[in-house]
């Protein structure tokens, strides 16, 4: 479980950010589209909050190539140092 208390000195996490962390903890790596459907928020709002959490090193963004042409799938997961 991610311990947010070590980050909360001067940082305030929004309810959406806390929900994103909880969803990723329960379900493992997920794409932005999967997260959007789980938290029922606009796509850009979810992405902006994911990037803030990424900047705090709470989550990591990584890509996994597909076996076809086109862009690789991008996933978000809880950072290893926060497990």
N, C-alpha and C. Protein backbone atom coordinates (compact mmCIF):
# COMPACT_ATOMS: atom_id res chain seq x y z
N UNK A 1 0.83 -1.18 0.00
CA UNK A 1 0.00 0.00 0.00
C UNK A 1 0.88 1.25 0.00
N UNK A 2 0.55 2.21 -0.79
CA UNK A 2 1.31 3.45 -0.90
C UNK A 2 1.08 4.29 0.36
N UNK A 3 2.17 4.72 0.96
CA UNK A 3 2.09 5.56 2.15
C UNK A 3 2.17 7.02 1.73
N UNK A 4 1.01 7.69 1.68
CA UNK A 4 0.96 9.08 1.25
C UNK A 4 1.42 10.04 2.34
N UNK A 5 1.51 9.59 3.58
CA UNK A 5 1.88 10.50 4.67
C UNK A 5 3.28 11.06 4.50
N UNK A 6 4.18 10.31 3.89
CA UNK A 6 5.53 10.84 3.69
C UNK A 6 5.58 11.93 2.62
N UNK A 7 4.53 12.04 1.81
CA UNK A 7 4.47 13.06 0.76
C UNK A 7 3.64 14.27 1.16
N UNK A 8 2.84 14.15 2.17
CA UNK A 8 1.85 15.18 2.44
C UNK A 8 2.40 16.42 3.13
N UNK A 9 3.69 16.49 3.41
CA UNK A 9 4.28 17.72 3.94
C UNK A 9 4.31 18.75 2.82
N UNK A 10 3.33 19.63 2.83
CA UNK A 10 3.27 20.67 1.81
C UNK A 10 2.59 20.24 0.53
N UNK A 11 2.27 18.95 0.37
CA UNK A 11 1.59 18.46 -0.83
C UNK A 11 0.18 18.04 -0.45
N UNK A 12 -0.75 18.39 -1.26
CA UNK A 12 -2.12 17.97 -1.04
C UNK A 12 -2.54 17.12 -2.23
N UNK A 13 -2.96 15.92 -1.94
CA UNK A 13 -3.41 15.03 -3.00
C UNK A 13 -4.92 15.17 -3.15
N UNK A 14 -5.35 15.30 -4.38
CA UNK A 14 -6.79 15.44 -4.66
C UNK A 14 -7.48 14.08 -4.46
N UNK A 15 -8.79 14.12 -4.28
CA UNK A 15 -9.53 12.85 -4.18
C UNK A 15 -9.33 11.97 -5.42
N UNK A 16 -9.24 12.59 -6.59
CA UNK A 16 -9.02 11.82 -7.82
C UNK A 16 -7.65 11.15 -7.80
N UNK A 17 -6.62 11.87 -7.36
CA UNK A 17 -5.28 11.27 -7.29
C UNK A 17 -5.26 10.09 -6.32
N UNK A 18 -5.92 10.24 -5.18
CA UNK A 18 -5.99 9.14 -4.22
C UNK A 18 -6.75 7.95 -4.81
N UNK A 19 -7.82 8.25 -5.54
CA UNK A 19 -8.59 7.17 -6.17
C UNK A 19 -7.77 6.46 -7.24
N UNK A 20 -7.01 7.21 -8.04
CA UNK A 20 -6.15 6.59 -9.06
C UNK A 20 -5.13 5.65 -8.41
N UNK A 21 -4.53 6.09 -7.32
CA UNK A 21 -3.56 5.25 -6.61
C UNK A 21 -4.24 3.98 -6.11
N UNK A 22 -5.42 4.12 -5.51
CA UNK A 22 -6.15 2.95 -5.00
C UNK A 22 -6.52 1.97 -6.11
N UNK A 23 -6.97 2.49 -7.24
CA UNK A 23 -7.34 1.62 -8.37
C UNK A 23 -6.12 0.87 -8.89
N UNK A 24 -4.99 1.55 -9.01
CA UNK A 24 -3.77 0.90 -9.49
C UNK A 24 -3.26 -0.13 -8.48
N UNK A 25 -3.40 0.15 -7.20
CA UNK A 25 -2.99 -0.82 -6.18
C UNK A 25 -3.84 -2.09 -6.25
N UNK A 26 -5.13 -1.93 -6.43
CA UNK A 26 -6.04 -3.08 -6.47
C UNK A 26 -5.92 -3.88 -7.75
N UNK A 27 -5.69 -3.20 -8.89
CA UNK A 27 -5.79 -3.86 -10.19
C UNK A 27 -4.47 -4.07 -10.91
N UNK A 28 -3.40 -3.47 -10.46
CA UNK A 28 -2.13 -3.58 -11.17
C UNK A 28 -2.07 -2.60 -12.33
N UNK A 29 -1.12 -2.79 -13.24
CA UNK A 29 -0.94 -1.86 -14.36
C UNK A 29 -2.20 -1.75 -15.22
N UNK A 30 -2.49 -0.50 -15.60
CA UNK A 30 -3.67 -0.23 -16.41
C UNK A 30 -3.36 0.87 -17.42
N UNK A 31 -4.11 0.87 -18.52
CA UNK A 31 -3.99 1.93 -19.51
C UNK A 31 -4.81 3.13 -19.05
N UNK A 32 -4.58 4.26 -19.69
CA UNK A 32 -5.36 5.45 -19.35
C UNK A 32 -6.85 5.22 -19.62
N UNK A 33 -7.18 4.56 -20.72
CA UNK A 33 -8.58 4.30 -21.04
C UNK A 33 -9.25 3.45 -19.96
N UNK A 34 -8.54 2.45 -19.45
CA UNK A 34 -9.09 1.62 -18.37
C UNK A 34 -9.30 2.45 -17.11
N UNK A 35 -8.34 3.32 -16.81
CA UNK A 35 -8.46 4.17 -15.62
C UNK A 35 -9.62 5.16 -15.75
N UNK A 36 -9.77 5.73 -16.93
CA UNK A 36 -10.87 6.68 -17.17
C UNK A 36 -12.21 6.01 -16.90
N UNK A 37 -12.38 4.78 -17.37
CA UNK A 37 -13.66 4.10 -17.15
C UNK A 37 -13.86 3.72 -15.68
N UNK A 38 -12.79 3.46 -14.96
CA UNK A 38 -12.90 3.09 -13.54
C UNK A 38 -13.24 4.28 -12.65
N UNK A 39 -12.64 5.43 -12.93
CA UNK A 39 -12.83 6.59 -12.04
C UNK A 39 -13.89 7.56 -12.55
N UNK A 40 -14.38 7.32 -13.74
CA UNK A 40 -15.47 8.13 -14.32
C UNK A 40 -15.14 9.63 -14.31
N UNK A 41 -13.98 9.95 -14.88
CA UNK A 41 -13.54 11.35 -15.03
C UNK A 41 -13.10 11.56 -16.47
N UNK A 42 -13.06 12.80 -16.90
CA UNK A 42 -12.61 13.08 -18.28
C UNK A 42 -11.18 12.59 -18.52
N UNK A 43 -10.95 12.19 -19.75
CA UNK A 43 -9.66 11.62 -20.16
C UNK A 43 -8.49 12.55 -19.85
N UNK A 44 -8.61 13.83 -20.18
CA UNK A 44 -7.50 14.76 -19.96
C UNK A 44 -7.28 15.02 -18.47
N UNK A 45 -8.35 15.04 -17.68
CA UNK A 45 -8.22 15.23 -16.24
C UNK A 45 -7.47 14.06 -15.62
N UNK A 46 -7.82 12.85 -16.04
CA UNK A 46 -7.13 11.66 -15.54
C UNK A 46 -5.65 11.72 -15.93
N UNK A 47 -5.37 12.06 -17.18
CA UNK A 47 -3.98 12.10 -17.64
C UNK A 47 -3.18 13.16 -16.87
N UNK A 48 -3.74 14.34 -16.67
CA UNK A 48 -3.04 15.39 -15.93
C UNK A 48 -2.70 14.93 -14.51
N UNK A 49 -3.63 14.26 -13.87
CA UNK A 49 -3.40 13.77 -12.52
C UNK A 49 -2.40 12.62 -12.49
N UNK A 50 -2.43 11.77 -13.50
CA UNK A 50 -1.43 10.71 -13.60
C UNK A 50 -0.03 11.30 -13.76
N UNK A 51 0.10 12.36 -14.54
CA UNK A 51 1.40 12.98 -14.72
C UNK A 51 1.90 13.64 -13.43
N UNK A 52 1.00 14.22 -12.64
CA UNK A 52 1.40 14.77 -11.35
C UNK A 52 1.91 13.67 -10.43
N UNK A 53 1.19 12.55 -10.39
CA UNK A 53 1.63 11.42 -9.57
C UNK A 53 2.95 10.85 -10.07
N UNK A 54 3.13 10.87 -11.38
CA UNK A 54 4.39 10.42 -11.97
C UNK A 54 5.53 11.35 -11.55
N UNK A 55 5.27 12.64 -11.51
CA UNK A 55 6.29 13.61 -11.08
C UNK A 55 6.68 13.42 -9.62
N UNK A 56 5.75 12.93 -8.79
CA UNK A 56 6.03 12.63 -7.38
C UNK A 56 6.68 11.26 -7.22
N UNK A 57 6.88 10.54 -8.32
CA UNK A 57 7.42 9.18 -8.33
C UNK A 57 6.54 8.19 -7.58
N UNK A 58 5.24 8.47 -7.53
CA UNK A 58 4.31 7.52 -6.93
C UNK A 58 3.90 6.45 -7.92
N UNK A 59 3.81 6.83 -9.19
CA UNK A 59 3.48 5.87 -10.24
C UNK A 59 4.50 6.00 -11.35
N UNK A 60 4.55 4.98 -12.19
CA UNK A 60 5.43 4.98 -13.34
C UNK A 60 4.61 4.76 -14.61
N UNK A 61 5.08 5.36 -15.66
CA UNK A 61 4.47 5.22 -16.98
C UNK A 61 5.43 4.38 -17.82
N UNK A 62 4.92 3.37 -18.49
CA UNK A 62 5.76 2.55 -19.36
C UNK A 62 4.94 2.09 -20.55
N UNK A 63 5.62 1.69 -21.59
CA UNK A 63 4.91 1.24 -22.79
C UNK A 63 5.27 -0.21 -23.08
N UNK A 64 4.33 -0.87 -23.71
CA UNK A 64 4.53 -2.26 -24.10
C UNK A 64 4.18 -2.35 -25.58
N UNK A 65 5.11 -2.80 -26.40
CA UNK A 65 4.82 -2.85 -27.83
C UNK A 65 3.70 -3.85 -28.14
N UNK A 66 2.96 -3.52 -29.16
CA UNK A 66 1.92 -4.44 -29.64
C UNK A 66 2.54 -5.31 -30.72
N UNK A 67 1.86 -6.35 -31.08
CA UNK A 67 2.37 -7.23 -32.13
C UNK A 67 1.90 -6.78 -33.52
N UNK A 68 1.45 -5.54 -33.58
CA UNK A 68 0.99 -5.02 -34.86
C UNK A 68 1.57 -3.62 -35.05
N UNK A 69 1.22 -3.03 -36.14
CA UNK A 69 1.69 -1.67 -36.41
C UNK A 69 0.98 -0.69 -35.52
N UNK A 70 1.56 0.48 -35.38
CA UNK A 70 0.91 1.52 -34.60
C UNK A 70 1.64 1.79 -33.30
N UNK A 71 1.03 2.60 -32.51
CA UNK A 71 1.63 3.01 -31.24
C UNK A 71 1.61 1.87 -30.23
N UNK A 72 2.63 1.84 -29.38
CA UNK A 72 2.61 0.84 -28.31
C UNK A 72 1.58 1.23 -27.24
N UNK A 73 1.12 0.24 -26.49
CA UNK A 73 0.19 0.51 -25.39
C UNK A 73 0.95 1.16 -24.24
N UNK A 74 0.38 2.17 -23.64
CA UNK A 74 0.99 2.87 -22.51
C UNK A 74 0.25 2.48 -21.25
N UNK A 75 1.00 2.04 -20.25
CA UNK A 75 0.43 1.60 -18.98
C UNK A 75 0.95 2.47 -17.84
N UNK A 76 0.18 2.49 -16.76
CA UNK A 76 0.58 3.17 -15.53
C UNK A 76 0.54 2.13 -14.42
N UNK A 77 1.52 2.20 -13.52
CA UNK A 77 1.57 1.27 -12.40
C UNK A 77 2.16 1.97 -11.19
N UNK A 78 1.96 1.40 -10.02
CA UNK A 78 2.53 1.92 -8.79
C UNK A 78 4.04 1.75 -8.88
N UNK A 79 4.76 2.78 -8.51
CA UNK A 79 6.22 2.75 -8.53
C UNK A 79 6.73 1.68 -7.57
N UNK A 80 7.79 0.98 -7.97
CA UNK A 80 8.34 -0.11 -7.16
C UNK A 80 8.75 0.35 -5.75
N UNK A 81 9.30 1.55 -5.63
CA UNK A 81 9.75 2.01 -4.32
C UNK A 81 8.59 2.38 -3.39
N UNK A 82 7.37 2.36 -3.92
CA UNK A 82 6.19 2.69 -3.10
C UNK A 82 5.36 1.47 -2.75
N UNK A 83 5.84 0.30 -3.08
CA UNK A 83 5.08 -0.93 -2.77
C UNK A 83 5.38 -1.40 -1.38
